[in-house]
Amino acid sequence: MCAAADTFRAAATEQLTIWADRCGVDIIKQGEGADPASVVFDAINAANARYTDVVLVDTAGRLHNKTNLMNELNKIDRVIKRECPICSKETLLVLDATTGQNGLIQAKQFKEACGITGIVLTKLDGTAKGGIAIAIAQELGLPVKFAGVGEGIDDLRYFDADEFVKAFI
């Protein structure tokens, strides 16, 4: 099940709805501008009612310098912990491989706000090398878990560190 908790960005819910349809999964959503934490609350309750074992929550997480957004991510984290205290939780920060030092700053602040557990590095299909992943792993101890190598349904792959390093050589 997907939860469309990016209620601030125009078309975010529509984009996630398209992907949920392509993947054949349910989606929980509300209107634009809705409280993202309430979307997550609804999704957890729907998942419990439908015996769904995985809920993927899409949030608006691109602007680490926006205090309100960081507070909202923290609120979402609290809702998940309160409503599903024994669930296994993975919090991934999606970073564009073209992101430079700003990626490290983002990772630090998101780790503080919502305890990220790993990185998804996207846009590794072009000329971007994604070197910021090394700095994030070294300074913050955060693993890169997935790599996006395109825009197709099968283009999100488990991250292979050996393959990544060989691409630099």
N, C-alpha and C. Protein backbone atom coordinates (compact mmCIF):
# COMPACT_ATOMS: atom_id res chain seq x y z
N MET A 1 0.84 -1.17 0.00
CA MET A 1 0.00 0.00 0.00
C MET A 1 0.89 1.23 0.00
N CYS A 2 0.45 2.27 -0.69
CA CYS A 2 1.16 3.54 -0.70
C CYS A 2 0.35 4.58 0.04
N ALA A 3 1.05 5.51 0.69
CA ALA A 3 0.42 6.64 1.35
C ALA A 3 0.95 7.91 0.70
N ALA A 4 0.07 8.70 0.11
CA ALA A 4 0.45 9.92 -0.59
C ALA A 4 0.52 11.07 0.41
N ALA A 5 1.62 11.13 1.17
CA ALA A 5 1.78 12.14 2.21
C ALA A 5 2.53 13.37 1.73
N ASP A 6 2.86 13.44 0.46
CA ASP A 6 3.40 14.66 -0.12
C ASP A 6 2.21 15.46 -0.61
N THR A 7 1.58 16.18 0.31
CA THR A 7 0.35 16.91 -0.01
C THR A 7 0.63 18.36 -0.37
N PHE A 8 1.89 18.75 -0.41
CA PHE A 8 2.25 20.14 -0.69
C PHE A 8 2.60 20.37 -2.16
N ARG A 9 3.24 19.42 -2.79
CA ARG A 9 3.70 19.60 -4.16
C ARG A 9 2.57 19.29 -5.13
N ALA A 10 2.30 20.22 -6.00
CA ALA A 10 1.26 20.00 -7.01
C ALA A 10 1.59 18.76 -7.82
N ALA A 11 0.62 17.92 -8.03
CA ALA A 11 0.70 16.70 -8.84
C ALA A 11 1.42 15.54 -8.17
N ALA A 12 1.92 15.69 -6.96
CA ALA A 12 2.62 14.59 -6.29
C ALA A 12 1.69 13.40 -6.08
N THR A 13 0.49 13.65 -5.62
CA THR A 13 -0.46 12.57 -5.37
C THR A 13 -0.84 11.89 -6.68
N GLU A 14 -1.02 12.67 -7.73
CA GLU A 14 -1.37 12.09 -9.02
C GLU A 14 -0.25 11.21 -9.55
N GLN A 15 0.99 11.65 -9.39
CA GLN A 15 2.14 10.84 -9.83
C GLN A 15 2.22 9.53 -9.06
N LEU A 16 2.04 9.59 -7.75
CA LEU A 16 2.09 8.37 -6.95
C LEU A 16 0.92 7.45 -7.29
N THR A 17 -0.22 8.02 -7.58
CA THR A 17 -1.39 7.22 -7.97
C THR A 17 -1.11 6.45 -9.26
N ILE A 18 -0.46 7.09 -10.20
CA ILE A 18 -0.10 6.41 -11.46
C ILE A 18 0.81 5.22 -11.17
N TRP A 19 1.82 5.42 -10.30
CA TRP A 19 2.75 4.34 -9.98
C TRP A 19 2.08 3.24 -9.17
N ALA A 20 1.18 3.60 -8.28
CA ALA A 20 0.45 2.58 -7.52
C ALA A 20 -0.39 1.73 -8.46
N ASP A 21 -1.04 2.37 -9.43
CA ASP A 21 -1.84 1.63 -10.42
C ASP A 21 -0.95 0.70 -11.24
N ARG A 22 0.20 1.19 -11.68
CA ARG A 22 1.12 0.37 -12.47
C ARG A 22 1.59 -0.86 -11.70
N CYS A 23 1.77 -0.67 -10.40
CA CYS A 23 2.26 -1.76 -9.55
C CYS A 23 1.14 -2.62 -8.98
N GLY A 24 -0.10 -2.18 -9.15
CA GLY A 24 -1.23 -2.95 -8.65
C GLY A 24 -1.37 -2.92 -7.13
N VAL A 25 -1.06 -1.78 -6.52
CA VAL A 25 -1.18 -1.65 -5.07
C VAL A 25 -2.19 -0.56 -4.72
N ASP A 26 -2.75 -0.68 -3.53
CA ASP A 26 -3.68 0.33 -3.03
C ASP A 26 -2.93 1.61 -2.71
N ILE A 27 -3.68 2.72 -2.74
CA ILE A 27 -3.10 4.00 -2.35
C ILE A 27 -4.08 4.71 -1.44
N ILE A 28 -3.57 5.32 -0.40
CA ILE A 28 -4.36 6.14 0.51
C ILE A 28 -3.94 7.58 0.26
N LYS A 29 -4.90 8.45 0.04
CA LYS A 29 -4.59 9.83 -0.27
C LYS A 29 -5.71 10.74 0.23
N GLN A 30 -5.37 12.01 0.33
CA GLN A 30 -6.33 13.05 0.66
C GLN A 30 -6.10 14.19 -0.32
N GLY A 31 -6.79 15.28 -0.14
CA GLY A 31 -6.66 16.42 -1.05
C GLY A 31 -5.36 17.18 -0.87
N GLU A 32 -5.04 17.99 -1.87
CA GLU A 32 -3.85 18.83 -1.82
C GLU A 32 -3.93 19.74 -0.60
N GLY A 33 -2.84 19.86 0.14
CA GLY A 33 -2.80 20.70 1.32
C GLY A 33 -3.26 20.01 2.59
N ALA A 34 -3.67 18.75 2.48
CA ALA A 34 -4.09 18.00 3.68
C ALA A 34 -2.90 17.79 4.61
N ASP A 35 -3.21 17.46 5.84
CA ASP A 35 -2.17 17.17 6.83
C ASP A 35 -1.51 15.84 6.48
N PRO A 36 -0.22 15.85 6.12
CA PRO A 36 0.45 14.61 5.73
C PRO A 36 0.41 13.53 6.82
N ALA A 37 0.51 13.93 8.07
CA ALA A 37 0.46 12.95 9.15
C ALA A 37 -0.90 12.26 9.22
N SER A 38 -1.96 12.97 8.85
CA SER A 38 -3.29 12.34 8.85
C SER A 38 -3.40 11.32 7.73
N VAL A 39 -2.72 11.57 6.61
CA VAL A 39 -2.69 10.60 5.51
C VAL A 39 -2.01 9.32 6.00
N VAL A 40 -0.91 9.48 6.71
CA VAL A 40 -0.17 8.33 7.24
C VAL A 40 -1.03 7.58 8.27
N PHE A 41 -1.70 8.31 9.13
CA PHE A 41 -2.60 7.71 10.11
C PHE A 41 -3.66 6.87 9.40
N ASP A 42 -4.29 7.45 8.36
CA ASP A 42 -5.31 6.72 7.59
C ASP A 42 -4.72 5.49 6.92
N ALA A 43 -3.51 5.62 6.39
CA ALA A 43 -2.87 4.50 5.70
C ALA A 43 -2.57 3.35 6.65
N ILE A 44 -2.09 3.67 7.83
CA ILE A 44 -1.80 2.62 8.82
C ILE A 44 -3.08 1.90 9.21
N ASN A 45 -4.14 2.66 9.44
CA ASN A 45 -5.43 2.04 9.80
C ASN A 45 -5.97 1.19 8.65
N ALA A 46 -5.85 1.69 7.42
CA ALA A 46 -6.31 0.93 6.25
C ALA A 46 -5.47 -0.35 6.09
N ALA A 47 -4.17 -0.23 6.29
CA ALA A 47 -3.30 -1.40 6.17
C ALA A 47 -3.66 -2.46 7.20
N ASN A 48 -3.93 -2.04 8.42
CA ASN A 48 -4.34 -2.99 9.45
C ASN A 48 -5.66 -3.65 9.09
N ALA A 49 -6.61 -2.87 8.61
CA ALA A 49 -7.93 -3.40 8.26
C ALA A 49 -7.86 -4.36 7.08
N ARG A 50 -6.92 -4.13 6.17
CA ARG A 50 -6.80 -4.94 4.95
C ARG A 50 -5.72 -6.01 5.06
N TYR A 51 -5.13 -6.14 6.24
CA TYR A 51 -4.05 -7.11 6.48
C TYR A 51 -2.89 -6.90 5.50
N THR A 52 -2.57 -5.64 5.28
CA THR A 52 -1.45 -5.27 4.41
C THR A 52 -0.19 -5.23 5.25
N ASP A 53 0.87 -5.83 4.74
CA ASP A 53 2.09 -5.91 5.56
C ASP A 53 3.15 -4.85 5.24
N VAL A 54 2.98 -4.09 4.16
CA VAL A 54 3.94 -3.04 3.82
C VAL A 54 3.19 -1.78 3.43
N VAL A 55 3.60 -0.67 4.02
CA VAL A 55 3.06 0.64 3.65
C VAL A 55 4.24 1.51 3.25
N LEU A 56 4.22 2.00 2.03
CA LEU A 56 5.24 2.89 1.51
C LEU A 56 4.69 4.31 1.61
N VAL A 57 5.35 5.16 2.39
CA VAL A 57 4.90 6.53 2.61
C VAL A 57 5.78 7.47 1.80
N ASP A 58 5.15 8.23 0.91
CA ASP A 58 5.86 9.23 0.12
C ASP A 58 5.62 10.58 0.77
N THR A 59 6.70 11.26 1.17
CA THR A 59 6.58 12.56 1.84
C THR A 59 7.25 13.65 1.01
N ALA A 60 6.96 14.88 1.38
CA ALA A 60 7.62 16.04 0.76
C ALA A 60 8.90 16.28 1.54
N GLY A 61 9.99 15.78 1.06
CA GLY A 61 11.22 15.88 1.83
C GLY A 61 12.35 16.56 1.14
N ARG A 62 12.09 17.41 0.20
CA ARG A 62 13.18 17.97 -0.58
C ARG A 62 13.82 19.22 0.03
N LEU A 63 13.14 19.89 0.92
CA LEU A 63 13.63 21.17 1.39
C LEU A 63 14.02 21.11 2.87
N HIS A 64 15.25 20.69 3.12
CA HIS A 64 15.72 20.52 4.48
C HIS A 64 15.83 21.83 5.24
N ASN A 65 15.84 22.96 4.52
CA ASN A 65 15.96 24.25 5.18
C ASN A 65 14.60 24.86 5.53
N LYS A 66 13.54 24.13 5.34
CA LYS A 66 12.19 24.59 5.68
C LYS A 66 11.79 23.97 7.02
N THR A 67 11.75 24.77 8.05
CA THR A 67 11.47 24.29 9.40
C THR A 67 10.12 23.58 9.47
N ASN A 68 9.10 24.14 8.84
CA ASN A 68 7.77 23.52 8.91
C ASN A 68 7.77 22.13 8.30
N LEU A 69 8.49 21.95 7.20
CA LEU A 69 8.57 20.65 6.56
C LEU A 69 9.28 19.65 7.46
N MET A 70 10.37 20.07 8.06
CA MET A 70 11.11 19.16 8.94
C MET A 70 10.25 18.79 10.16
N ASN A 71 9.49 19.75 10.67
CA ASN A 71 8.57 19.46 11.78
C ASN A 71 7.50 18.47 11.35
N GLU A 72 7.03 18.60 10.12
CA GLU A 72 6.01 17.69 9.60
C GLU A 72 6.56 16.27 9.47
N LEU A 73 7.79 16.13 9.01
CA LEU A 73 8.41 14.81 8.93
C LEU A 73 8.54 14.19 10.31
N ASN A 74 8.90 15.01 11.28
CA ASN A 74 9.00 14.52 12.65
C ASN A 74 7.63 14.08 13.17
N LYS A 75 6.59 14.83 12.83
CA LYS A 75 5.22 14.48 13.23
C LYS A 75 4.79 13.15 12.61
N ILE A 76 5.11 12.96 11.33
CA ILE A 76 4.80 11.70 10.65
C ILE A 76 5.49 10.55 11.37
N ASP A 77 6.75 10.75 11.71
CA ASP A 77 7.52 9.73 12.43
C ASP A 77 6.85 9.38 13.75
N ARG A 78 6.38 10.38 14.47
CA ARG A 78 5.70 10.14 15.76
C ARG A 78 4.39 9.37 15.56
N VAL A 79 3.64 9.70 14.50
CA VAL A 79 2.38 8.99 14.22
C VAL A 79 2.66 7.52 13.95
N ILE A 80 3.68 7.24 13.15
CA ILE A 80 4.02 5.84 12.84
C ILE A 80 4.41 5.09 14.12
N LYS A 81 5.24 5.70 14.93
CA LYS A 81 5.67 5.06 16.18
C LYS A 81 4.49 4.81 17.12
N ARG A 82 3.56 5.76 17.17
CA ARG A 82 2.40 5.63 18.06
C ARG A 82 1.41 4.60 17.55
N GLU A 83 1.12 4.62 16.25
CA GLU A 83 0.09 3.77 15.68
C GLU A 83 0.57 2.36 15.35
N CYS A 84 1.86 2.22 15.19
CA CYS A 84 2.41 0.92 14.80
C CYS A 84 3.74 0.69 15.54
N PRO A 85 3.67 0.61 16.87
CA PRO A 85 4.89 0.60 17.67
C PRO A 85 5.81 -0.60 17.45
N ILE A 86 5.26 -1.73 17.01
CA ILE A 86 6.11 -2.91 16.86
C ILE A 86 6.48 -3.20 15.41
N CYS A 87 6.08 -2.32 14.50
CA CYS A 87 6.38 -2.58 13.10
C CYS A 87 7.86 -2.32 12.81
N SER A 88 8.34 -2.98 11.79
CA SER A 88 9.68 -2.74 11.30
C SER A 88 9.59 -1.51 10.40
N LYS A 89 10.47 -0.54 10.62
CA LYS A 89 10.37 0.73 9.89
C LYS A 89 11.68 1.05 9.21
N GLU A 90 11.59 1.43 7.97
CA GLU A 90 12.74 1.85 7.17
C GLU A 90 12.45 3.27 6.71
N THR A 91 13.37 4.20 6.97
CA THR A 91 13.19 5.58 6.55
C THR A 91 14.30 5.93 5.58
N LEU A 92 13.94 6.10 4.32
CA LEU A 92 14.93 6.32 3.27
C LEU A 92 14.86 7.75 2.74
N LEU A 93 16.01 8.35 2.57
CA LEU A 93 16.12 9.66 1.95
C LEU A 93 16.48 9.45 0.49
N VAL A 94 15.68 9.99 -0.39
CA VAL A 94 15.94 9.88 -1.83
C VAL A 94 16.76 11.09 -2.25
N LEU A 95 17.95 10.82 -2.79
CA LEU A 95 18.83 11.89 -3.25
C LEU A 95 19.14 11.71 -4.73
N ASP A 96 19.15 12.79 -5.42
CA ASP A 96 19.53 12.84 -6.82
C ASP A 96 21.05 12.68 -6.90
N ALA A 97 21.55 11.83 -7.77
CA ALA A 97 23.00 11.58 -7.88
C ALA A 97 23.77 12.83 -8.30
N THR A 98 23.08 13.83 -8.84
CA THR A 98 23.77 15.06 -9.24
C THR A 98 23.93 16.02 -8.08
N THR A 99 23.35 15.66 -6.93
CA THR A 99 23.45 16.52 -5.75
C THR A 99 24.86 16.45 -5.19
N GLY A 100 25.43 17.59 -4.94
CA GLY A 100 26.78 17.66 -4.39
C GLY A 100 26.76 17.72 -2.88
N GLN A 101 27.53 18.65 -2.32
CA GLN A 101 27.65 18.80 -0.86
C GLN A 101 26.31 19.03 -0.19
N ASN A 102 25.36 19.61 -0.89
CA ASN A 102 24.04 19.84 -0.34
C ASN A 102 23.40 18.52 0.10
N GLY A 103 23.73 17.44 -0.57
CA GLY A 103 23.20 16.12 -0.22
C GLY A 103 23.63 15.70 1.17
N LEU A 104 24.86 16.02 1.54
CA LEU A 104 25.35 15.68 2.88
C LEU A 104 24.62 16.50 3.94
N ILE A 105 24.41 17.77 3.66
CA ILE A 105 23.68 18.64 4.58
C ILE A 105 22.25 18.13 4.74
N GLN A 106 21.61 17.77 3.62
CA GLN A 106 20.25 17.22 3.68
C GLN A 106 20.22 15.97 4.54
N ALA A 107 21.13 15.06 4.29
CA ALA A 107 21.14 13.80 5.03
C ALA A 107 21.31 14.02 6.53
N LYS A 108 22.19 14.94 6.91
CA LYS A 108 22.38 15.24 8.33
C LYS A 108 21.08 15.73 8.96
N GLN A 109 20.41 16.67 8.29
CA GLN A 109 19.22 17.26 8.87
C GLN A 109 18.04 16.28 8.87
N PHE A 110 17.92 15.48 7.83
CA PHE A 110 16.84 14.50 7.81
C PHE A 110 17.09 13.39 8.83
N LYS A 111 18.34 13.04 9.05
CA LYS A 111 18.65 12.03 10.07
C LYS A 111 18.23 12.52 11.45
N GLU A 112 18.45 13.81 11.72
CA GLU A 112 18.02 14.39 12.99
C GLU A 112 16.50 14.42 13.11
N ALA A 113 15.82 14.83 12.06
CA ALA A 113 14.37 15.04 12.11
C ALA A 113 13.58 13.74 12.16
N CYS A 114 14.01 12.74 11.38
CA CYS A 114 13.17 11.54 11.31
C CYS A 114 13.96 10.24 11.30
N GLY A 115 15.22 10.31 11.68
CA GLY A 115 15.99 9.08 11.86
C GLY A 115 16.14 8.24 10.61
N ILE A 116 16.56 8.84 9.50
CA ILE A 116 16.71 8.06 8.28
C ILE A 116 17.67 6.90 8.50
N THR A 117 17.38 5.80 7.83
CA THR A 117 18.17 4.58 7.98
C THR A 117 18.96 4.22 6.73
N GLY A 118 18.74 4.97 5.66
CA GLY A 118 19.46 4.68 4.43
C GLY A 118 19.14 5.69 3.34
N ILE A 119 19.85 5.53 2.24
CA ILE A 119 19.75 6.45 1.11
C ILE A 119 19.30 5.68 -0.14
N VAL A 120 18.48 6.34 -0.95
CA VAL A 120 18.16 5.88 -2.29
C VAL A 120 18.81 6.91 -3.22
N LEU A 121 19.71 6.48 -4.05
CA LEU A 121 20.43 7.36 -4.96
C LEU A 121 19.84 7.22 -6.35
N THR A 122 19.24 8.29 -6.85
CA THR A 122 18.58 8.23 -8.15
C THR A 122 19.40 8.93 -9.23
N LYS A 123 18.98 8.75 -10.45
CA LYS A 123 19.58 9.37 -11.63
C LYS A 123 21.02 8.91 -11.87
N LEU A 124 21.26 7.63 -11.59
CA LEU A 124 22.58 7.08 -11.87
C LEU A 124 22.68 6.55 -13.30
N ASP A 125 21.70 6.90 -14.12
CA ASP A 125 21.67 6.43 -15.50
C ASP A 125 22.36 7.40 -16.46
N GLY A 126 22.75 8.56 -15.99
CA GLY A 126 23.37 9.55 -16.85
C GLY A 126 24.84 9.71 -16.54
N THR A 127 25.28 10.96 -16.59
CA THR A 127 26.69 11.23 -16.34
C THR A 127 26.99 11.43 -14.86
N ALA A 128 25.96 11.53 -14.03
CA ALA A 128 26.17 11.74 -12.60
C ALA A 128 26.87 10.54 -11.98
N LYS A 129 27.84 10.81 -11.14
CA LYS A 129 28.60 9.74 -10.50
C LYS A 129 28.06 9.41 -9.11
N GLY A 130 27.39 10.35 -8.46
CA GLY A 130 26.83 10.07 -7.14
C GLY A 130 27.87 9.97 -6.05
N GLY A 131 28.98 10.70 -6.19
CA GLY A 131 30.06 10.63 -5.21
C GLY A 131 29.66 11.05 -3.81
N ILE A 132 28.57 11.82 -3.68
CA ILE A 132 28.12 12.26 -2.36
C ILE A 132 27.74 11.06 -1.50
N ALA A 133 27.40 9.94 -2.13
CA ALA A 133 27.04 8.73 -1.38
C ALA A 133 28.20 8.27 -0.49
N ILE A 134 29.41 8.44 -0.95
CA ILE A 134 30.58 8.03 -0.18
C ILE A 134 30.72 8.90 1.07
N ALA A 135 30.55 10.21 0.90
CA ALA A 135 30.64 11.12 2.04
C ALA A 135 29.54 10.85 3.06
N ILE A 136 28.34 10.59 2.59
CA ILE A 136 27.21 10.31 3.49
C ILE A 136 27.46 9.02 4.26
N ALA A 137 27.91 7.99 3.56
CA ALA A 137 28.19 6.72 4.23
C ALA A 137 29.31 6.88 5.26
N GLN A 138 30.34 7.62 4.90
CA GLN A 138 31.50 7.78 5.78
C GLN A 138 31.17 8.66 6.99
N GLU A 139 30.56 9.81 6.77
CA GLU A 139 30.32 10.76 7.86
C GLU A 139 29.13 10.39 8.74
N LEU A 140 28.08 9.84 8.13
CA LEU A 140 26.85 9.59 8.88
C LEU A 140 26.58 8.12 9.14
N GLY A 141 27.38 7.25 8.54
CA GLY A 141 27.16 5.82 8.73
C GLY A 141 25.86 5.33 8.11
N LEU A 142 25.40 6.02 7.08
CA LEU A 142 24.15 5.64 6.41
C LEU A 142 24.46 4.88 5.12
N PRO A 143 23.90 3.70 4.98
CA PRO A 143 24.14 2.95 3.75
C PRO A 143 23.27 3.43 2.59
N VAL A 144 23.80 3.28 1.39
CA VAL A 144 22.98 3.47 0.20
C VAL A 144 22.32 2.12 -0.04
N LYS A 145 21.01 2.09 -0.04
CA LYS A 145 20.28 0.83 -0.13
C LYS A 145 19.78 0.53 -1.54
N PHE A 146 19.41 1.58 -2.27
CA PHE A 146 18.88 1.40 -3.62
C PHE A 146 19.48 2.43 -4.56
N ALA A 147 19.50 2.07 -5.84
CA ALA A 147 19.97 2.97 -6.88
C ALA A 147 18.93 3.03 -7.98
N GLY A 148 18.61 4.24 -8.38
CA GLY A 148 17.70 4.45 -9.49
C GLY A 148 18.50 4.67 -10.76
N VAL A 149 18.25 3.83 -11.76
CA VAL A 149 19.03 3.89 -13.01
C VAL A 149 18.16 4.21 -14.22
N GLY A 150 16.99 4.72 -13.99
CA GLY A 150 16.08 5.07 -15.07
C GLY A 150 14.72 5.43 -14.50
N GLU A 151 13.73 5.49 -15.37
CA GLU A 151 12.40 5.89 -14.93
C GLU A 151 11.37 4.79 -15.10
N GLY A 152 11.82 3.59 -15.42
CA GLY A 152 10.91 2.47 -15.60
C GLY A 152 10.62 1.76 -14.29
N ILE A 153 9.63 0.88 -14.32
CA ILE A 153 9.19 0.18 -13.12
C ILE A 153 10.27 -0.75 -12.55
N ASP A 154 11.18 -1.21 -13.37
CA ASP A 154 12.24 -2.10 -12.91
C ASP A 154 13.59 -1.39 -12.75
N ASP A 155 13.58 -0.07 -12.74
CA ASP A 155 14.83 0.69 -12.72
C ASP A 155 15.30 1.11 -11.33
N LEU A 156 14.62 0.65 -10.30
CA LEU A 156 15.10 0.85 -8.94
C LEU A 156 15.69 -0.47 -8.49
N ARG A 157 16.99 -0.46 -8.20
CA ARG A 157 17.70 -1.71 -7.91
C ARG A 157 18.40 -1.64 -6.57
N TYR A 158 18.66 -2.82 -6.01
CA TYR A 158 19.49 -2.85 -4.81
C TYR A 158 20.85 -2.24 -5.16
N PHE A 159 21.39 -1.46 -4.27
CA PHE A 159 22.67 -0.81 -4.49
C PHE A 159 23.79 -1.81 -4.34
N ASP A 160 24.68 -1.84 -5.31
CA ASP A 160 25.83 -2.73 -5.29
C ASP A 160 27.09 -1.87 -5.17
N ALA A 161 27.68 -1.85 -3.98
CA ALA A 161 28.83 -1.00 -3.71
C ALA A 161 30.01 -1.31 -4.63
N ASP A 162 30.25 -2.59 -4.89
CA ASP A 162 31.38 -2.96 -5.76
C ASP A 162 31.18 -2.42 -7.17
N GLU A 163 29.97 -2.57 -7.68
CA GLU A 163 29.65 -2.07 -9.02
C GLU A 163 29.78 -0.54 -9.05
N PHE A 164 29.36 0.12 -8.00
CA PHE A 164 29.43 1.57 -7.89
C PHE A 164 30.87 2.04 -7.95
N VAL A 165 31.75 1.39 -7.18
CA VAL A 165 33.16 1.79 -7.15
C VAL A 165 33.82 1.52 -8.50
N LYS A 166 33.51 0.42 -9.13
CA LYS A 166 34.08 0.10 -10.45
C LYS A 166 33.70 1.14 -11.49
N ALA A 167 32.54 1.77 -11.35
CA ALA A 167 32.11 2.80 -12.29
C ALA A 167 33.00 4.04 -12.22
N PHE A 168 33.66 4.25 -11.07
CA PHE A 168 34.56 5.38 -10.92
C PHE A 168 35.91 5.15 -11.58
N ILE A 169 36.27 3.89 -11.75
CA ILE A 169 37.61 3.55 -12.27
C ILE A 169 37.66 3.67 -13.77
